[in-house]
Amino acid sequence: MPSEQPDKSPKNKWVEIESYIQLGVLLPAATFVGWLIGHLLDLHFRTHWIYLVGLGFGIAAGFVQLFRVALKTGDD
């Protein structure tokens, strides 16, 4: 006889919804922080290209964290 999972409690549903909201906010926030750090370094060193490196690192960090949250959510 297959075991059926009990209905999720309202608290567990909210935790799951929070995980999906986190996915939507994570990538733009990481991208912005990377760009901001690169821009501030550009101002400090008087260059015009470091913001691109910061932008790249921000996007990469955002995707890494996005995959971590997605895999953690998928395990539940």
N, C-alpha and C. Protein backbone atom coordinates (compact mmCIF):
# COMPACT_ATOMS: atom_id res chain seq x y z
N MET A 1 0.84 -1.17 0.00
CA MET A 1 0.00 0.00 0.00
C MET A 1 0.89 1.24 0.00
N PRO A 2 0.75 2.11 -1.00
CA PRO A 2 1.62 3.28 -1.06
C PRO A 2 1.30 4.25 0.08
N SER A 3 2.36 4.81 0.61
CA SER A 3 2.16 5.79 1.69
C SER A 3 1.91 7.16 1.08
N GLU A 4 0.89 7.81 1.55
CA GLU A 4 0.56 9.13 1.05
C GLU A 4 1.13 10.17 2.00
N GLN A 5 1.64 11.26 1.41
CA GLN A 5 2.17 12.32 2.23
C GLN A 5 1.03 13.13 2.82
N PRO A 6 1.13 13.46 4.10
CA PRO A 6 0.08 14.30 4.69
C PRO A 6 0.13 15.70 4.08
N ASP A 7 -1.00 16.40 4.17
CA ASP A 7 -1.05 17.76 3.66
C ASP A 7 -0.03 18.62 4.38
N LYS A 8 0.55 19.54 3.64
CA LYS A 8 1.54 20.43 4.24
C LYS A 8 0.84 21.42 5.15
N SER A 9 1.50 21.72 6.25
CA SER A 9 0.93 22.71 7.15
C SER A 9 1.08 24.10 6.52
N PRO A 10 0.28 25.06 6.96
CA PRO A 10 0.38 26.41 6.38
C PRO A 10 1.77 27.01 6.55
N LYS A 11 2.44 26.68 7.65
CA LYS A 11 3.79 27.23 7.88
C LYS A 11 4.75 26.68 6.82
N ASN A 12 4.67 25.40 6.50
CA ASN A 12 5.55 24.83 5.49
C ASN A 12 5.29 25.42 4.11
N LYS A 13 4.04 25.73 3.82
CA LYS A 13 3.73 26.36 2.54
C LYS A 13 4.37 27.74 2.43
N TRP A 14 4.33 28.49 3.52
CA TRP A 14 4.94 29.82 3.51
C TRP A 14 6.46 29.73 3.37
N VAL A 15 7.05 28.72 3.97
CA VAL A 15 8.51 28.54 3.85
C VAL A 15 8.85 28.22 2.40
N GLU A 16 8.04 27.41 1.75
CA GLU A 16 8.28 27.09 0.35
C GLU A 16 8.09 28.31 -0.54
N ILE A 17 7.08 29.11 -0.27
CA ILE A 17 6.85 30.33 -1.04
C ILE A 17 8.02 31.29 -0.86
N GLU A 18 8.54 31.37 0.36
CA GLU A 18 9.69 32.24 0.63
C GLU A 18 10.90 31.81 -0.19
N SER A 19 11.10 30.53 -0.37
CA SER A 19 12.22 30.05 -1.16
C SER A 19 12.11 30.51 -2.61
N TYR A 20 10.91 30.48 -3.17
CA TYR A 20 10.72 30.93 -4.54
C TYR A 20 10.87 32.45 -4.67
N ILE A 21 10.44 33.18 -3.68
CA ILE A 21 10.64 34.64 -3.70
C ILE A 21 12.12 34.95 -3.62
N GLN A 22 12.83 34.19 -2.82
CA GLN A 22 14.28 34.37 -2.69
C GLN A 22 14.96 34.18 -4.05
N LEU A 23 14.50 33.21 -4.83
CA LEU A 23 15.07 32.99 -6.16
C LEU A 23 14.87 34.21 -7.06
N GLY A 24 13.73 34.87 -6.95
CA GLY A 24 13.45 36.02 -7.79
C GLY A 24 14.23 37.27 -7.41
N VAL A 25 14.63 37.38 -6.17
CA VAL A 25 15.33 38.56 -5.70
C VAL A 25 16.85 38.38 -5.76
N LEU A 26 17.27 37.16 -5.67
CA LEU A 26 18.69 36.83 -5.52
C LEU A 26 19.54 37.29 -6.69
N LEU A 27 19.18 36.92 -7.88
CA LEU A 27 20.01 37.21 -9.05
C LEU A 27 20.14 38.72 -9.31
N PRO A 28 19.06 39.49 -9.31
CA PRO A 28 19.23 40.94 -9.51
C PRO A 28 20.04 41.61 -8.38
N ALA A 29 19.85 41.15 -7.16
CA ALA A 29 20.58 41.76 -6.04
C ALA A 29 22.07 41.48 -6.15
N ALA A 30 22.44 40.24 -6.46
CA ALA A 30 23.86 39.90 -6.59
C ALA A 30 24.48 40.65 -7.76
N THR A 31 23.75 40.79 -8.86
CA THR A 31 24.25 41.52 -10.01
C THR A 31 24.47 42.98 -9.66
N PHE A 32 23.53 43.59 -8.96
CA PHE A 32 23.66 44.99 -8.57
C PHE A 32 24.84 45.20 -7.62
N VAL A 33 25.00 44.32 -6.65
CA VAL A 33 26.11 44.45 -5.69
C VAL A 33 27.45 44.31 -6.41
N GLY A 34 27.56 43.36 -7.34
CA GLY A 34 28.80 43.21 -8.11
C GLY A 34 29.10 44.45 -8.93
N TRP A 35 28.06 44.98 -9.60
CA TRP A 35 28.26 46.21 -10.38
C TRP A 35 28.67 47.36 -9.48
N LEU A 36 28.03 47.50 -8.32
CA LEU A 36 28.32 48.61 -7.42
C LEU A 36 29.76 48.56 -6.93
N ILE A 37 30.22 47.38 -6.54
CA ILE A 37 31.61 47.25 -6.08
C ILE A 37 32.57 47.59 -7.22
N GLY A 38 32.28 47.10 -8.43
CA GLY A 38 33.12 47.43 -9.58
C GLY A 38 33.11 48.91 -9.89
N HIS A 39 31.96 49.54 -9.79
CA HIS A 39 31.85 50.98 -10.05
C HIS A 39 32.65 51.77 -9.02
N LEU A 40 32.55 51.38 -7.77
CA LEU A 40 33.32 52.09 -6.73
C LEU A 40 34.82 51.90 -6.94
N LEU A 41 35.23 50.73 -7.36
CA LEU A 41 36.65 50.52 -7.68
C LEU A 41 37.07 51.35 -8.89
N ASP A 42 36.18 51.48 -9.87
CA ASP A 42 36.46 52.37 -11.02
C ASP A 42 36.69 53.80 -10.57
N LEU A 43 35.85 54.28 -9.67
CA LEU A 43 36.03 55.64 -9.17
C LEU A 43 37.33 55.78 -8.40
N HIS A 44 37.66 54.78 -7.62
CA HIS A 44 38.88 54.85 -6.80
C HIS A 44 40.14 54.82 -7.68
N PHE A 45 40.16 53.95 -8.66
CA PHE A 45 41.36 53.79 -9.50
C PHE A 45 41.29 54.59 -10.80
N ARG A 46 40.21 55.35 -10.99
CA ARG A 46 40.01 56.20 -12.17
C ARG A 46 40.15 55.40 -13.47
N THR A 47 39.41 54.30 -13.54
CA THR A 47 39.36 53.48 -14.75
C THR A 47 37.91 53.40 -15.22
N HIS A 48 37.70 52.71 -16.31
CA HIS A 48 36.34 52.60 -16.86
C HIS A 48 36.00 51.18 -17.27
N TRP A 49 36.66 50.18 -16.69
CA TRP A 49 36.39 48.80 -17.10
C TRP A 49 36.19 47.84 -15.92
N ILE A 50 36.56 48.23 -14.73
CA ILE A 50 36.47 47.31 -13.59
C ILE A 50 35.01 46.98 -13.27
N TYR A 51 34.10 47.88 -13.57
CA TYR A 51 32.68 47.59 -13.29
C TYR A 51 32.22 46.35 -14.06
N LEU A 52 32.81 46.10 -15.24
CA LEU A 52 32.44 44.91 -16.00
C LEU A 52 32.88 43.64 -15.29
N VAL A 53 34.05 43.68 -14.66
CA VAL A 53 34.52 42.53 -13.89
C VAL A 53 33.61 42.31 -12.69
N GLY A 54 33.26 43.39 -12.00
CA GLY A 54 32.34 43.29 -10.87
C GLY A 54 30.98 42.77 -11.29
N LEU A 55 30.52 43.22 -12.44
CA LEU A 55 29.25 42.76 -12.97
C LEU A 55 29.30 41.26 -13.26
N GLY A 56 30.39 40.81 -13.86
CA GLY A 56 30.55 39.39 -14.14
C GLY A 56 30.58 38.55 -12.87
N PHE A 57 31.33 39.01 -11.87
CA PHE A 57 31.38 38.29 -10.59
C PHE A 57 30.01 38.29 -9.91
N GLY A 58 29.30 39.38 -9.99
CA GLY A 58 27.97 39.44 -9.39
C GLY A 58 27.00 38.48 -10.05
N ILE A 59 27.04 38.42 -11.36
CA ILE A 59 26.16 37.50 -12.08
C ILE A 59 26.52 36.06 -11.75
N ALA A 60 27.82 35.76 -11.72
CA ALA A 60 28.26 34.40 -11.40
C ALA A 60 27.84 34.02 -9.98
N ALA A 61 28.05 34.92 -9.03
CA ALA A 61 27.66 34.63 -7.65
C ALA A 61 26.15 34.45 -7.53
N GLY A 62 25.39 35.24 -8.28
CA GLY A 62 23.94 35.11 -8.26
C GLY A 62 23.49 33.75 -8.78
N PHE A 63 24.09 33.29 -9.87
CA PHE A 63 23.72 31.98 -10.41
C PHE A 63 24.13 30.84 -9.49
N VAL A 64 25.30 30.96 -8.86
CA VAL A 64 25.73 29.91 -7.93
C VAL A 64 24.72 29.81 -6.78
N GLN A 65 24.35 30.93 -6.21
CA GLN A 65 23.40 30.91 -5.11
C GLN A 65 22.01 30.47 -5.58
N LEU A 66 21.64 30.86 -6.79
CA LEU A 66 20.37 30.44 -7.36
C LEU A 66 20.30 28.92 -7.48
N PHE A 67 21.37 28.30 -7.96
CA PHE A 67 21.40 26.84 -8.07
C PHE A 67 21.38 26.18 -6.70
N ARG A 68 22.07 26.77 -5.74
CA ARG A 68 22.06 26.20 -4.38
C ARG A 68 20.64 26.18 -3.80
N VAL A 69 19.96 27.30 -3.92
CA VAL A 69 18.59 27.38 -3.37
C VAL A 69 17.66 26.46 -4.14
N ALA A 70 17.81 26.42 -5.46
CA ALA A 70 16.94 25.57 -6.28
C ALA A 70 17.15 24.09 -5.96
N LEU A 71 18.38 23.68 -5.77
CA LEU A 71 18.65 22.28 -5.44
C LEU A 71 18.16 21.94 -4.04
N LYS A 72 18.31 22.88 -3.10
CA LYS A 72 17.82 22.65 -1.74
C LYS A 72 16.29 22.54 -1.73
N THR A 73 15.63 23.38 -2.53
CA THR A 73 14.18 23.36 -2.62
C THR A 73 13.71 22.05 -3.28
N GLY A 74 14.47 21.60 -4.28
CA GLY A 74 14.10 20.38 -4.98
C GLY A 74 14.25 19.13 -4.12
N ASP A 75 15.14 19.14 -3.13
CA ASP A 75 15.35 17.99 -2.26
C ASP A 75 14.18 17.78 -1.31
N ASP A 76 13.47 18.85 -0.99
CA ASP A 76 12.36 18.74 -0.03
C ASP A 76 11.22 18.10 -0.65
